[in-house]
Amino acid sequence: MNIDDLRCAHACRNSCGLLNEAMRRENEMVKFYQRVAALCDYPDVEQFVENLVQERSSNVLKIVQKLNELQARGQALDGVMASYDPAGC
């Protein structure tokens, strides 16, 4: 998928399609850099690539955290909406 093909659905409630795509791409980059590090036998370059792996892995965790926040917020809003549901009385 090309960056120009990405579109925001503007309907994020419990999740975000763009963040899910960003996480997928970050995971791909982590795997790529891990393969590069495994193939590299020059210590300076290998350490540099390992740092890239750590940075990308950190980005994945940040994205997961934001997705979890979105889901929690959506669930809270669902709870508030359900408390005003006249059918539930």
C-alpha atoms as a PDB file:
ATOM      1  CA  MET A   1       0.000   0.000   0.000  1.00  0.00           C
ATOM      2  CA  ASN A   2       1.320   3.391  -1.008  1.00  0.00           C
ATOM      3  CA  ILE A   3       1.157   6.351   1.390  1.00  0.00           C
ATOM      4  CA  ASP A   4      -1.077   8.126  -1.138  1.00  0.00           C
ATOM      5  CA  ASP A   5      -3.580   5.257  -0.827  1.00  0.00           C
ATOM      6  CA  LEU A   6      -4.086   5.859   2.895  1.00  0.00           C
ATOM      7  CA  ARG A   7      -7.197   7.716   3.939  1.00  0.00           C
ATOM      8  CA  CYS A   8      -8.569   8.617   7.326  1.00  0.00           C
ATOM      9  CA  ALA A   9     -12.087   7.260   7.764  1.00  0.00           C
ATOM     10  CA  HIS A  10     -12.849   9.949  10.370  1.00  0.00           C
ATOM     11  CA  ALA A  11     -14.937   7.328  12.142  1.00  0.00           C
ATOM     12  CA  CYS A  12     -12.449   6.255  14.785  1.00  0.00           C
ATOM     13  CA  ARG A  13     -14.165   5.302  17.954  1.00  0.00           C
ATOM     14  CA  ASN A  14     -12.667   2.161  19.387  1.00  0.00           C
ATOM     15  CA  SER A  15      -9.787   1.903  16.951  1.00  0.00           C
ATOM     16  CA  CYS A  16      -7.977   3.782  14.203  1.00  0.00           C
ATOM     17  CA  GLY A  17      -7.278   2.290  10.807  1.00  0.00           C
ATOM     18  CA  LEU A  18      -4.358   4.620  10.163  1.00  0.00           C
ATOM     19  CA  LEU A  19      -2.696   3.757  13.469  1.00  0.00           C
ATOM     20  CA  ASN A  20      -3.193   0.062  12.757  1.00  0.00           C
ATOM     21  CA  GLU A  21      -1.504   0.538   9.387  1.00  0.00           C
ATOM     22  CA  ALA A  22       1.318   2.511  11.030  1.00  0.00           C
ATOM     23  CA  MET A  23       1.802  -0.306  13.535  1.00  0.00           C
ATOM     24  CA  ARG A  24       1.890  -2.888  10.754  1.00  0.00           C
ATOM     25  CA  ARG A  25       4.548  -0.911   8.914  1.00  0.00           C
ATOM     26  CA  GLU A  26       6.624  -0.346  12.055  1.00  0.00           C
ATOM     27  CA  ASN A  27       6.510  -4.106  12.725  1.00  0.00           C
ATOM     28  CA  GLU A  28       7.721  -4.752   9.186  1.00  0.00           C
ATOM     29  CA  MET A  29      10.609  -2.342   9.717  1.00  0.00           C
ATOM     30  CA  VAL A  30      11.547  -4.017  13.011  1.00  0.00           C
ATOM     31  CA  LYS A  31      11.736  -7.385  11.230  1.00  0.00           C
ATOM     32  CA  PHE A  32      13.719  -5.860   8.362  1.00  0.00           C
ATOM     33  CA  TYR A  33      16.271  -4.259  10.681  1.00  0.00           C
ATOM     34  CA  GLN A  34      16.547  -7.471  12.695  1.00  0.00           C
ATOM     35  CA  ARG A  35      17.435  -9.342   9.495  1.00  0.00           C
ATOM     36  CA  VAL A  36      19.959  -6.642   8.562  1.00  0.00           C
ATOM     37  CA  ALA A  37      21.566  -6.842  12.020  1.00  0.00           C
ATOM     38  CA  ALA A  38      21.761 -10.632  11.788  1.00  0.00           C
ATOM     39  CA  LEU A  39      23.511 -10.412   8.427  1.00  0.00           C
ATOM     40  CA  CYS A  40      25.908  -7.628   9.388  1.00  0.00           C
ATOM     41  CA  ASP A  41      29.302  -8.523  10.808  1.00  0.00           C
ATOM     42  CA  TYR A  42      30.659  -4.995  11.225  1.00  0.00           C
ATOM     43  CA  PRO A  43      30.187  -4.161  14.940  1.00  0.00           C
ATOM     44  CA  ASP A  44      29.639  -0.417  14.500  1.00  0.00           C
ATOM     45  CA  VAL A  45      26.970  -0.869  11.856  1.00  0.00           C
ATOM     46  CA  GLU A  46      25.402  -3.793  13.693  1.00  0.00           C
ATOM     47  CA  GLN A  47      25.046  -1.678  16.850  1.00  0.00           C
ATOM     48  CA  PHE A  48      23.563   1.175  14.839  1.00  0.00           C
ATOM     49  CA  VAL A  49      20.973  -1.148  13.301  1.00  0.00           C
ATOM     50  CA  GLU A  50      20.194  -2.657  16.722  1.00  0.00           C
ATOM     51  CA  ASN A  51      19.455   0.875  17.926  1.00  0.00           C
ATOM     52  CA  LEU A  52      17.075   1.276  14.992  1.00  0.00           C
ATOM     53  CA  VAL A  53      15.344  -1.955  16.052  1.00  0.00           C
ATOM     54  CA  GLN A  54      14.913  -0.583  19.576  1.00  0.00           C
ATOM     55  CA  GLU A  55      13.541   2.736  18.298  1.00  0.00           C
ATOM     56  CA  ARG A  56      11.052   1.065  15.963  1.00  0.00           C
ATOM     57  CA  SER A  57      10.004  -1.366  18.698  1.00  0.00           C
ATOM     58  CA  SER A  58       9.409   1.608  20.973  1.00  0.00           C
ATOM     59  CA  ASN A  59       7.227   3.170  18.272  1.00  0.00           C
ATOM     60  CA  VAL A  60       5.165  -0.016  18.070  1.00  0.00           C
ATOM     61  CA  LEU A  61       4.585   0.110  21.823  1.00  0.00           C
ATOM     62  CA  LYS A  62       3.546   3.772  21.627  1.00  0.00           C
ATOM     63  CA  ILE A  63       1.056   2.980  18.875  1.00  0.00           C
ATOM     64  CA  VAL A  64      -0.371   0.052  20.842  1.00  0.00           C
ATOM     65  CA  GLN A  65      -0.730   2.329  23.851  1.00  0.00           C
ATOM     66  CA  LYS A  66      -2.615   4.943  21.809  1.00  0.00           C
ATOM     67  CA  LEU A  67      -4.887   2.278  20.304  1.00  0.00           C
ATOM     68  CA  ASN A  68      -5.633   1.014  23.813  1.00  0.00           C
ATOM     69  CA  GLU A  69      -6.480   4.574  24.889  1.00  0.00           C
ATOM     70  CA  LEU A  70      -8.865   4.935  21.946  1.00  0.00           C
ATOM     71  CA  GLN A  71     -10.539   1.654  22.806  1.00  0.00           C
ATOM     72  CA  ALA A  72     -10.907   2.593  26.478  1.00  0.00           C
ATOM     73  CA  ARG A  73     -12.339   5.988  25.555  1.00  0.00           C
ATOM     74  CA  GLY A  74     -14.797   4.364  23.153  1.00  0.00           C
ATOM     75  CA  GLN A  75     -15.915   1.891  25.811  1.00  0.00           C
ATOM     76  CA  ALA A  76     -16.417   4.710  28.305  1.00  0.00           C
ATOM     77  CA  LEU A  77     -18.505   6.630  25.785  1.00  0.00           C
ATOM     78  CA  ASP A  78     -20.524   3.488  25.068  1.00  0.00           C
ATOM     79  CA  GLY A  79     -21.186   3.165  28.809  1.00  0.00           C
ATOM     80  CA  VAL A  80     -22.334   6.767  29.068  1.00  0.00           C
ATOM     81  CA  MET A  81     -24.606   6.368  26.052  1.00  0.00           C
ATOM     82  CA  ALA A  82     -26.055   3.143  27.456  1.00  0.00           C
ATOM     83  CA  SER A  83     -26.887   4.872  30.741  1.00  0.00           C
ATOM     84  CA  TYR A  84     -29.145   7.260  28.813  1.00  0.00           C
ATOM     85  CA  ASP A  85     -30.823   4.532  26.797  1.00  0.00           C
ATOM     86  CA  PRO A  86     -34.573   4.736  27.548  1.00  0.00           C
ATOM     87  CA  ALA A  87     -35.049   1.153  26.339  1.00  0.00           C
ATOM     88  CA  GLY A  88     -32.870  -0.067  29.192  1.00  0.00           C
ATOM     89  CA  CYS A  89     -35.207   1.362  31.880  1.00  0.00           C
END
